[in-house]
Amino acid sequence: MNILIVDDEKMIRELVKKYAVFSGHSVVEAEDGMKAVEMVRSGCADFDIIVMDVMMPELDGFSAVKEIRKVSQIPVVMLSARGEEYDRIHGFELGVDDYVVKPFSPRELVMRLEAVYRRGHSVHTEKVRDVYELDSLKIDFDARLVSIDGNKLDLSPKESDLLFFLVKNRGLALSREKLITEVWGYDYYGDDRTLDTHIKLLRKNLGPYQRHIVTLRGVGYRFEE
């Protein structure tokens, strides 16, 4: 992978670079969000994934991701000293792929980067139903489009994956472990809070249809018609 590491702390950049290079990856550094945005816009390098710190001068990580998403869907893993739910939700709403709280294990971070990269390049060969409709809710699996009353919902890639899996297994009780394994992958290194955050975002986007995602206490979730 060609990794762009964006952090105003030189020590952090060098630490991540050391482990990434040791694992066989190439690394480019940027000391602030503004420079990262300029590098992506200019196309000076073909980045496979971005490690983005949140708190930085010139342009913070969230604002940088927002600008990058206007021109590129490069996977982004956020780094932050803050682990509050609000920050994670904000990051996922912007379309980040993972969220790592400082202090962190550089070895685990590199493994997370590799897992995100593999998921983005995996080929799903399973056959799915083309279209699912529930009243005015329409899900086109092949086109990866979800709409209500003909209005397209702006779901993040992971929200779409989660909804698709819930709907394709509607009526079944899906454990938290099952959802994380199937949607994020068996090699996911995060925690259950990521699942809960995406469920919350998905319900918000589904509006009146959020009631169809039922919480099963102590188990997980189920999509009910």
C-alpha atoms as a PDB file:
ATOM      1  CA  MET A   1       0.000   0.000   0.000  1.00  0.00           C
ATOM      2  CA  ASN A   2       0.965   3.618  -0.499  1.00  0.00           C
ATOM      3  CA  ILE A   3      -0.019   5.306   2.773  1.00  0.00           C
ATOM      4  CA  LEU A   4      -0.435   9.038   3.413  1.00  0.00           C
ATOM      5  CA  ILE A   5       0.178   9.822   7.092  1.00  0.00           C
ATOM      6  CA  VAL A   6      -1.236  13.190   8.178  1.00  0.00           C
ATOM      7  CA  ASP A   7      -0.276  14.364  11.670  1.00  0.00           C
ATOM      8  CA  ASP A   8       1.293  17.544  13.029  1.00  0.00           C
ATOM      9  CA  GLU A   9       3.395  15.500  15.471  1.00  0.00           C
ATOM     10  CA  LYS A  10       6.585  14.361  13.744  1.00  0.00           C
ATOM     11  CA  MET A  11       7.120  11.617  16.324  1.00  0.00           C
ATOM     12  CA  ILE A  12       3.726  10.072  15.503  1.00  0.00           C
ATOM     13  CA  ARG A  13       4.416  10.182  11.769  1.00  0.00           C
ATOM     14  CA  GLU A  14       7.810   8.551  12.187  1.00  0.00           C
ATOM     15  CA  LEU A  15       6.425   5.862  14.500  1.00  0.00           C
ATOM     16  CA  VAL A  16       3.655   4.859  12.095  1.00  0.00           C
ATOM     17  CA  LYS A  17       6.030   5.076   9.125  1.00  0.00           C
ATOM     18  CA  LYS A  18       8.533   2.773  10.835  1.00  0.00           C
ATOM     19  CA  TYR A  19       5.992  -0.017  11.292  1.00  0.00           C
ATOM     20  CA  ALA A  20       4.340   0.533   7.907  1.00  0.00           C
ATOM     21  CA  VAL A  21       7.641   0.364   6.018  1.00  0.00           C
ATOM     22  CA  PHE A  22       8.661  -2.692   8.041  1.00  0.00           C
ATOM     23  CA  SER A  23       5.423  -4.352   6.874  1.00  0.00           C
ATOM     24  CA  GLY A  24       6.317  -3.654   3.254  1.00  0.00           C
ATOM     25  CA  HIS A  25       4.325  -0.468   2.608  1.00  0.00           C
ATOM     26  CA  SER A  26       5.421   2.903   1.222  1.00  0.00           C
ATOM     27  CA  VAL A  27       4.688   6.088   3.158  1.00  0.00           C
ATOM     28  CA  VAL A  28       4.237   9.772   2.335  1.00  0.00           C
ATOM     29  CA  GLU A  29       3.946  12.333   5.141  1.00  0.00           C
ATOM     30  CA  ALA A  30       1.972  15.560   5.590  1.00  0.00           C
ATOM     31  CA  GLU A  31       2.166  17.752   8.677  1.00  0.00           C
ATOM     32  CA  ASP A  32      -1.304  19.308   8.417  1.00  0.00           C
ATOM     33  CA  GLY A  33      -4.715  18.834   6.825  1.00  0.00           C
ATOM     34  CA  MET A  34      -4.285  21.603   4.277  1.00  0.00           C
ATOM     35  CA  LYS A  35      -1.208  19.958   2.774  1.00  0.00           C
ATOM     36  CA  ALA A  36      -2.977  16.577   2.692  1.00  0.00           C
ATOM     37  CA  VAL A  37      -5.923  18.033   0.768  1.00  0.00           C
ATOM     38  CA  GLU A  38      -3.561  19.711  -1.704  1.00  0.00           C
ATOM     39  CA  MET A  39      -1.670  16.440  -2.252  1.00  0.00           C
ATOM     40  CA  VAL A  40      -4.865  14.503  -2.959  1.00  0.00           C
ATOM     41  CA  ARG A  41      -6.266  17.205  -5.251  1.00  0.00           C
ATOM     42  CA  SER A  42      -3.055  17.487  -7.229  1.00  0.00           C
ATOM     43  CA  GLY A  43      -2.807  13.737  -7.730  1.00  0.00           C
ATOM     44  CA  CYS A  44       0.915  13.923  -6.992  1.00  0.00           C
ATOM     45  CA  ALA A  45       0.730  10.399  -5.579  1.00  0.00           C
ATOM     46  CA  ASP A  46      -1.658   7.481  -5.904  1.00  0.00           C
ATOM     47  CA  PHE A  47      -2.563   6.874  -2.266  1.00  0.00           C
ATOM     48  CA  ASP A  48      -4.247   3.629  -1.239  1.00  0.00           C
ATOM     49  CA  ILE A  49      -5.216   4.804   2.245  1.00  0.00           C
ATOM     50  CA  ILE A  50      -4.897   7.865   4.505  1.00  0.00           C
ATOM     51  CA  VAL A  51      -4.139   8.043   8.227  1.00  0.00           C
ATOM     52  CA  MET A  52      -5.600  11.360   9.384  1.00  0.00           C
ATOM     53  CA  ASP A  53      -5.127  13.015  12.778  1.00  0.00           C
ATOM     54  CA  VAL A  54      -8.060  15.091  14.048  1.00  0.00           C
ATOM     55  CA  MET A  55      -6.447  18.003  15.896  1.00  0.00           C
ATOM     56  CA  MET A  56      -4.041  19.835  13.578  1.00  0.00           C
ATOM     57  CA  PRO A  57      -3.156  23.440  12.668  1.00  0.00           C
ATOM     58  CA  GLU A  58      -4.170  25.047   9.364  1.00  0.00           C
ATOM     59  CA  LEU A  59      -6.985  22.551   8.783  1.00  0.00           C
ATOM     60  CA  ASP A  60      -8.296  19.944  11.230  1.00  0.00           C
ATOM     61  CA  GLY A  61      -8.710  16.302  10.244  1.00  0.00           C
ATOM     62  CA  PHE A  62     -12.508  16.349   9.955  1.00  0.00           C
ATOM     63  CA  SER A  63     -12.439  19.390   7.655  1.00  0.00           C
ATOM     64  CA  ALA A  64      -9.653  17.808   5.615  1.00  0.00           C
ATOM     65  CA  VAL A  65     -11.660  14.596   5.134  1.00  0.00           C
ATOM     66  CA  LYS A  66     -14.696  16.637   4.096  1.00  0.00           C
ATOM     67  CA  GLU A  67     -12.635  18.349   1.382  1.00  0.00           C
ATOM     68  CA  ILE A  68     -10.983  15.108   0.274  1.00  0.00           C
ATOM     69  CA  ARG A  69     -14.368  13.397  -0.085  1.00  0.00           C
ATOM     70  CA  LYS A  70     -15.325  16.002  -2.697  1.00  0.00           C
ATOM     71  CA  VAL A  71     -12.683  14.613  -5.050  1.00  0.00           C
ATOM     72  CA  SER A  72     -11.757  11.124  -3.822  1.00  0.00           C
ATOM     73  CA  GLN A  73     -13.073   8.070  -2.001  1.00  0.00           C
ATOM     74  CA  ILE A  74      -9.651   7.009  -0.702  1.00  0.00           C
ATOM     75  CA  PRO A  75     -10.151   5.018   2.540  1.00  0.00           C
ATOM     76  CA  VAL A  76      -9.425   7.112   5.644  1.00  0.00           C
ATOM     77  CA  VAL A  77      -8.558   5.981   9.168  1.00  0.00           C
ATOM     78  CA  MET A  78      -8.838   8.749  11.757  1.00  0.00           C
ATOM     79  CA  LEU A  79      -6.473   9.226  14.696  1.00  0.00           C
ATOM     80  CA  SER A  80      -7.623  11.140  17.747  1.00  0.00           C
ATOM     81  CA  ALA A  81      -6.830  11.659  21.408  1.00  0.00           C
ATOM     82  CA  ARG A  82     -10.580  11.954  21.935  1.00  0.00           C
ATOM     83  CA  GLY A  83     -12.767   8.877  21.898  1.00  0.00           C
ATOM     84  CA  GLU A  84     -16.172  10.451  22.553  1.00  0.00           C
ATOM     85  CA  GLU A  85     -19.127   9.040  20.644  1.00  0.00           C
ATOM     86  CA  TYR A  86     -19.794  12.440  19.052  1.00  0.00           C
ATOM     87  CA  ASP A  87     -16.372  12.458  17.420  1.00  0.00           C
ATOM     88  CA  ARG A  88     -16.762   8.907  16.108  1.00  0.00           C
ATOM     89  CA  ILE A  89     -20.235   9.652  14.736  1.00  0.00           C
ATOM     90  CA  HIS A  90     -18.988  12.824  13.054  1.00  0.00           C
ATOM     91  CA  GLY A  91     -16.133  10.896  11.475  1.00  0.00           C
ATOM     92  CA  PHE A  92     -18.343   8.090  10.196  1.00  0.00           C
ATOM     93  CA  GLU A  93     -20.851  10.613   8.824  1.00  0.00           C
ATOM     94  CA  LEU A  94     -18.004  12.065   6.766  1.00  0.00           C
ATOM     95  CA  GLY A  95     -17.276   8.596   5.402  1.00  0.00           C
ATOM     96  CA  VAL A  96     -14.161   7.561   7.333  1.00  0.00           C
ATOM     97  CA  ASP A  97     -13.505   3.818   7.409  1.00  0.00           C
ATOM     98  CA  ASP A  98     -12.126   3.407  10.926  1.00  0.00           C
ATOM     99  CA  TYR A  99     -11.407   5.462  14.034  1.00  0.00           C
ATOM    100  CA  VAL A 100      -8.389   4.854  16.280  1.00  0.00           C
ATOM    101  CA  VAL A 101      -7.981   6.537  19.673  1.00  0.00           C
ATOM    102  CA  LYS A 102      -4.564   7.636  20.944  1.00  0.00           C
ATOM    103  CA  PRO A 103      -2.478   6.228  22.491  1.00  0.00           C
ATOM    104  CA  PHE A 104      -2.470   3.316  20.073  1.00  0.00           C
ATOM    105  CA  SER A 105      -0.366   0.337  19.120  1.00  0.00           C
ATOM    106  CA  PRO A 106       1.427   1.151  15.822  1.00  0.00           C
ATOM    107  CA  ARG A 107       1.456  -2.545  14.937  1.00  0.00           C
ATOM    108  CA  GLU A 108      -2.327  -2.775  15.452  1.00  0.00           C
ATOM    109  CA  LEU A 109      -2.826   0.427  13.454  1.00  0.00           C
ATOM    110  CA  VAL A 110      -0.955  -1.026  10.485  1.00  0.00           C
ATOM    111  CA  MET A 111      -3.042  -4.211  10.752  1.00  0.00           C
ATOM    112  CA  ARG A 112      -6.206  -2.094  10.715  1.00  0.00           C
ATOM    113  CA  LEU A 113      -4.982  -0.247   7.647  1.00  0.00           C
ATOM    114  CA  GLU A 114      -4.337  -3.541   5.880  1.00  0.00           C
ATOM    115  CA  ALA A 115      -7.795  -4.823   6.878  1.00  0.00           C
ATOM    116  CA  VAL A 116      -9.520  -1.682   5.547  1.00  0.00           C
ATOM    117  CA  TYR A 117      -7.530  -1.922   2.312  1.00  0.00           C
ATOM    118  CA  ARG A 118      -8.397  -5.613   1.822  1.00  0.00           C
ATOM    119  CA  ARG A 119     -12.088  -4.991   2.405  1.00  0.00           C
ATOM    120  CA  GLY A 120     -12.054  -2.195  -0.158  1.00  0.00           C
ATOM    121  CA  HIS A 121     -10.458  -4.446  -2.772  1.00  0.00           C
ATOM    122  CA  SER A 122     -12.279  -7.690  -2.050  1.00  0.00           C
ATOM    123  CA  VAL A 123     -14.558  -9.147  -4.703  1.00  0.00           C
ATOM    124  CA  HIS A 124     -17.983 -10.211  -3.496  1.00  0.00           C
ATOM    125  CA  THR A 125     -19.205 -13.070  -5.634  1.00  0.00           C
ATOM    126  CA  GLU A 126     -22.293 -14.050  -3.663  1.00  0.00           C
ATOM    127  CA  LYS A 127     -25.579 -13.694  -5.559  1.00  0.00           C
ATOM    128  CA  VAL A 128     -28.019 -11.251  -4.013  1.00  0.00           C
ATOM    129  CA  ARG A 129     -31.571 -10.238  -4.763  1.00  0.00           C
ATOM    130  CA  ASP A 130     -31.611  -7.385  -7.236  1.00  0.00           C
ATOM    131  CA  VAL A 131     -34.244  -5.231  -5.566  1.00  0.00           C
ATOM    132  CA  TYR A 132     -36.065  -5.210  -2.242  1.00  0.00           C
ATOM    133  CA  GLU A 133     -39.104  -3.028  -1.605  1.00  0.00           C
ATOM    134  CA  LEU A 134     -41.040  -2.301   1.569  1.00  0.00           C
ATOM    135  CA  ASP A 135     -43.776   0.245   0.928  1.00  0.00           C
ATOM    136  CA  SER A 136     -41.862   3.322  -0.299  1.00  0.00           C
ATOM    137  CA  LEU A 137     -38.460   1.979   0.795  1.00  0.00           C
ATOM    138  CA  LYS A 138     -36.518   0.596  -2.157  1.00  0.00           C
ATOM    139  CA  ILE A 139     -33.116  -1.099  -2.034  1.00  0.00           C
ATOM    140  CA  ASP A 140     -31.262  -1.840  -5.256  1.00  0.00           C
ATOM    141  CA  PHE A 141     -28.454  -4.200  -4.225  1.00  0.00           C
ATOM    142  CA  ASP A 142     -26.619  -4.279  -7.546  1.00  0.00           C
ATOM    143  CA  ALA A 143     -26.625  -0.504  -7.953  1.00  0.00           C
ATOM    144  CA  ARG A 144     -26.078   0.004  -4.202  1.00  0.00           C
ATOM    145  CA  LEU A 145     -28.910   2.521  -4.081  1.00  0.00           C
ATOM    146  CA  VAL A 146     -31.393   3.062  -1.258  1.00  0.00           C
ATOM    147  CA  SER A 147     -34.361   5.388  -1.678  1.00  0.00           C
ATOM    148  CA  ILE A 148     -37.540   6.424   0.130  1.00  0.00           C
ATOM    149  CA  ASP A 149     -40.402   7.837  -1.935  1.00  0.00           C
ATOM    150  CA  GLY A 150     -37.970   8.007  -4.850  1.00  0.00           C
ATOM    151  CA  ASN A 151     -35.486  10.142  -2.920  1.00  0.00           C
ATOM    152  CA  LYS A 152     -31.992   8.640  -2.754  1.00  0.00           C
ATOM    153  CA  LEU A 153     -30.546   8.261   0.748  1.00  0.00           C
ATOM    154  CA  ASP A 154     -26.983   9.463   1.251  1.00  0.00           C
ATOM    155  CA  LEU A 155     -25.609   6.440   3.108  1.00  0.00           C
ATOM    156  CA  SER A 156     -21.938   5.831   3.781  1.00  0.00           C
ATOM    157  CA  PRO A 157     -20.465   2.653   2.247  1.00  0.00           C
ATOM    158  CA  LYS A 158     -20.464   0.894   5.611  1.00  0.00           C
ATOM    159  CA  GLU A 159     -24.051   1.960   6.410  1.00  0.00           C
ATOM    160  CA  SER A 160     -25.095   0.482   3.052  1.00  0.00           C
ATOM    161  CA  ASP A 161     -23.238  -2.771   3.751  1.00  0.00           C
ATOM    162  CA  LEU A 162     -24.898  -3.032   7.148  1.00  0.00           C
ATOM    163  CA  LEU A 163     -28.393  -2.344   5.799  1.00  0.00           C
ATOM    164  CA  PHE A 164     -27.928  -4.790   2.916  1.00  0.00           C
ATOM    165  CA  PHE A 165     -26.854  -7.571   5.264  1.00  0.00           C
ATOM    166  CA  LEU A 166     -29.723  -6.900   7.685  1.00  0.00           C
ATOM    167  CA  VAL A 167     -32.293  -6.875   4.890  1.00  0.00           C
ATOM    168  CA  LYS A 168     -30.925  -9.969   3.144  1.00  0.00           C
ATOM    169  CA  ASN A 169     -31.204 -11.766   6.485  1.00  0.00           C
ATOM    170  CA  ARG A 170     -34.486 -10.151   7.519  1.00  0.00           C
ATOM    171  CA  GLY A 171     -36.424 -11.918  10.206  1.00  0.00           C
ATOM    172  CA  LEU A 172     -33.267 -13.496  11.625  1.00  0.00           C
ATOM    173  CA  ALA A 173     -31.700 -12.608  14.958  1.00  0.00           C
ATOM    174  CA  LEU A 174     -28.178 -11.434  14.092  1.00  0.00           C
ATOM    175  CA  SER A 175     -25.660 -11.370  16.881  1.00  0.00           C
ATOM    176  CA  ARG A 176     -23.275  -8.470  17.256  1.00  0.00           C
ATOM    177  CA  GLU A 177     -20.381 -10.814  16.500  1.00  0.00           C
ATOM    178  CA  LYS A 178     -22.104 -12.011  13.312  1.00  0.00           C
ATOM    179  CA  LEU A 179     -22.723  -8.473  12.081  1.00  0.00           C
ATOM    180  CA  ILE A 180     -19.169  -7.330  12.786  1.00  0.00           C
ATOM    181  CA  THR A 181     -17.695 -10.409  11.126  1.00  0.00           C
ATOM    182  CA  GLU A 182     -19.868 -10.200   8.011  1.00  0.00           C
ATOM    183  CA  VAL A 183     -19.898  -6.412   7.541  1.00  0.00           C
ATOM    184  CA  TRP A 184     -16.454  -5.397   8.795  1.00  0.00           C
ATOM    185  CA  GLY A 185     -14.620  -8.663   8.212  1.00  0.00           C
ATOM    186  CA  TYR A 186     -13.215 -11.399  10.428  1.00  0.00           C
ATOM    187  CA  ASP A 187      -9.980  -9.444  10.792  1.00  0.00           C
ATOM    188  CA  TYR A 188     -11.656  -6.307  12.184  1.00  0.00           C
ATOM    189  CA  TYR A 189      -9.760  -4.948  15.193  1.00  0.00           C
ATOM    190  CA  GLY A 190     -12.277  -2.413  16.484  1.00  0.00           C
ATOM    191  CA  ASP A 191     -14.930  -2.739  19.182  1.00  0.00           C
ATOM    192  CA  ASP A 192     -18.707  -3.018  19.454  1.00  0.00           C
ATOM    193  CA  ARG A 193     -19.129   0.757  19.685  1.00  0.00           C
ATOM    194  CA  THR A 194     -18.450   1.043  15.973  1.00  0.00           C
ATOM    195  CA  LEU A 195     -21.432  -1.220  15.225  1.00  0.00           C
ATOM    196  CA  ASP A 196     -23.701   0.738  17.578  1.00  0.00           C
ATOM    197  CA  THR A 197     -22.618   4.027  16.017  1.00  0.00           C
ATOM    198  CA  HIS A 198     -23.421   2.808  12.496  1.00  0.00           C
ATOM    199  CA  ILE A 199     -26.796   1.422  13.616  1.00  0.00           C
ATOM    200  CA  LYS A 200     -27.615   4.833  15.088  1.00  0.00           C
ATOM    201  CA  LEU A 201     -26.599   6.615  11.875  1.00  0.00           C
ATOM    202  CA  LEU A 202     -28.495   4.112   9.728  1.00  0.00           C
ATOM    203  CA  ARG A 203     -31.681   4.507  11.775  1.00  0.00           C
ATOM    204  CA  LYS A 204     -31.423   8.290  11.487  1.00  0.00           C
ATOM    205  CA  ASN A 205     -31.139   8.074   7.707  1.00  0.00           C
ATOM    206  CA  LEU A 206     -34.007   5.598   7.380  1.00  0.00           C
ATOM    207  CA  GLY A 207     -36.416   8.004   9.063  1.00  0.00           C
ATOM    208  CA  PRO A 208     -39.860   6.346   9.409  1.00  0.00           C
ATOM    209  CA  TYR A 209     -38.364   2.963   8.474  1.00  0.00           C
ATOM    210  CA  GLN A 210     -35.916   2.942  11.372  1.00  0.00           C
ATOM    211  CA  ARG A 211     -38.427   0.972  13.433  1.00  0.00           C
ATOM    212  CA  HIS A 212     -37.738  -2.044  11.219  1.00  0.00           C
ATOM    213  CA  ILE A 213     -34.248  -2.362  12.738  1.00  0.00           C
ATOM    214  CA  VAL A 214     -35.042  -3.949  16.083  1.00  0.00           C
ATOM    215  CA  THR A 215     -32.582  -4.126  18.961  1.00  0.00           C
ATOM    216  CA  LEU A 216     -32.353  -7.552  20.595  1.00  0.00           C
ATOM    217  CA  ARG A 217     -31.031  -6.961  24.092  1.00  0.00           C
ATOM    218  CA  GLY A 218     -28.021  -9.070  24.879  1.00  0.00           C
ATOM    219  CA  VAL A 219     -27.966 -10.484  21.336  1.00  0.00           C
ATOM    220  CA  GLY A 220     -27.769  -7.973  18.511  1.00  0.00           C
ATOM    221  CA  TYR A 221     -30.234  -6.718  15.876  1.00  0.00           C
ATOM    222  CA  ARG A 222     -32.932  -7.922  13.497  1.00  0.00           C
ATOM    223  CA  PHE A 223     -34.636  -6.388  10.453  1.00  0.00           C
ATOM    224  CA  GLU A 224     -38.381  -6.935  10.726  1.00  0.00           C
ATOM    225  CA  GLU A 225     -40.929  -6.287   8.018  1.00  0.00           C
END
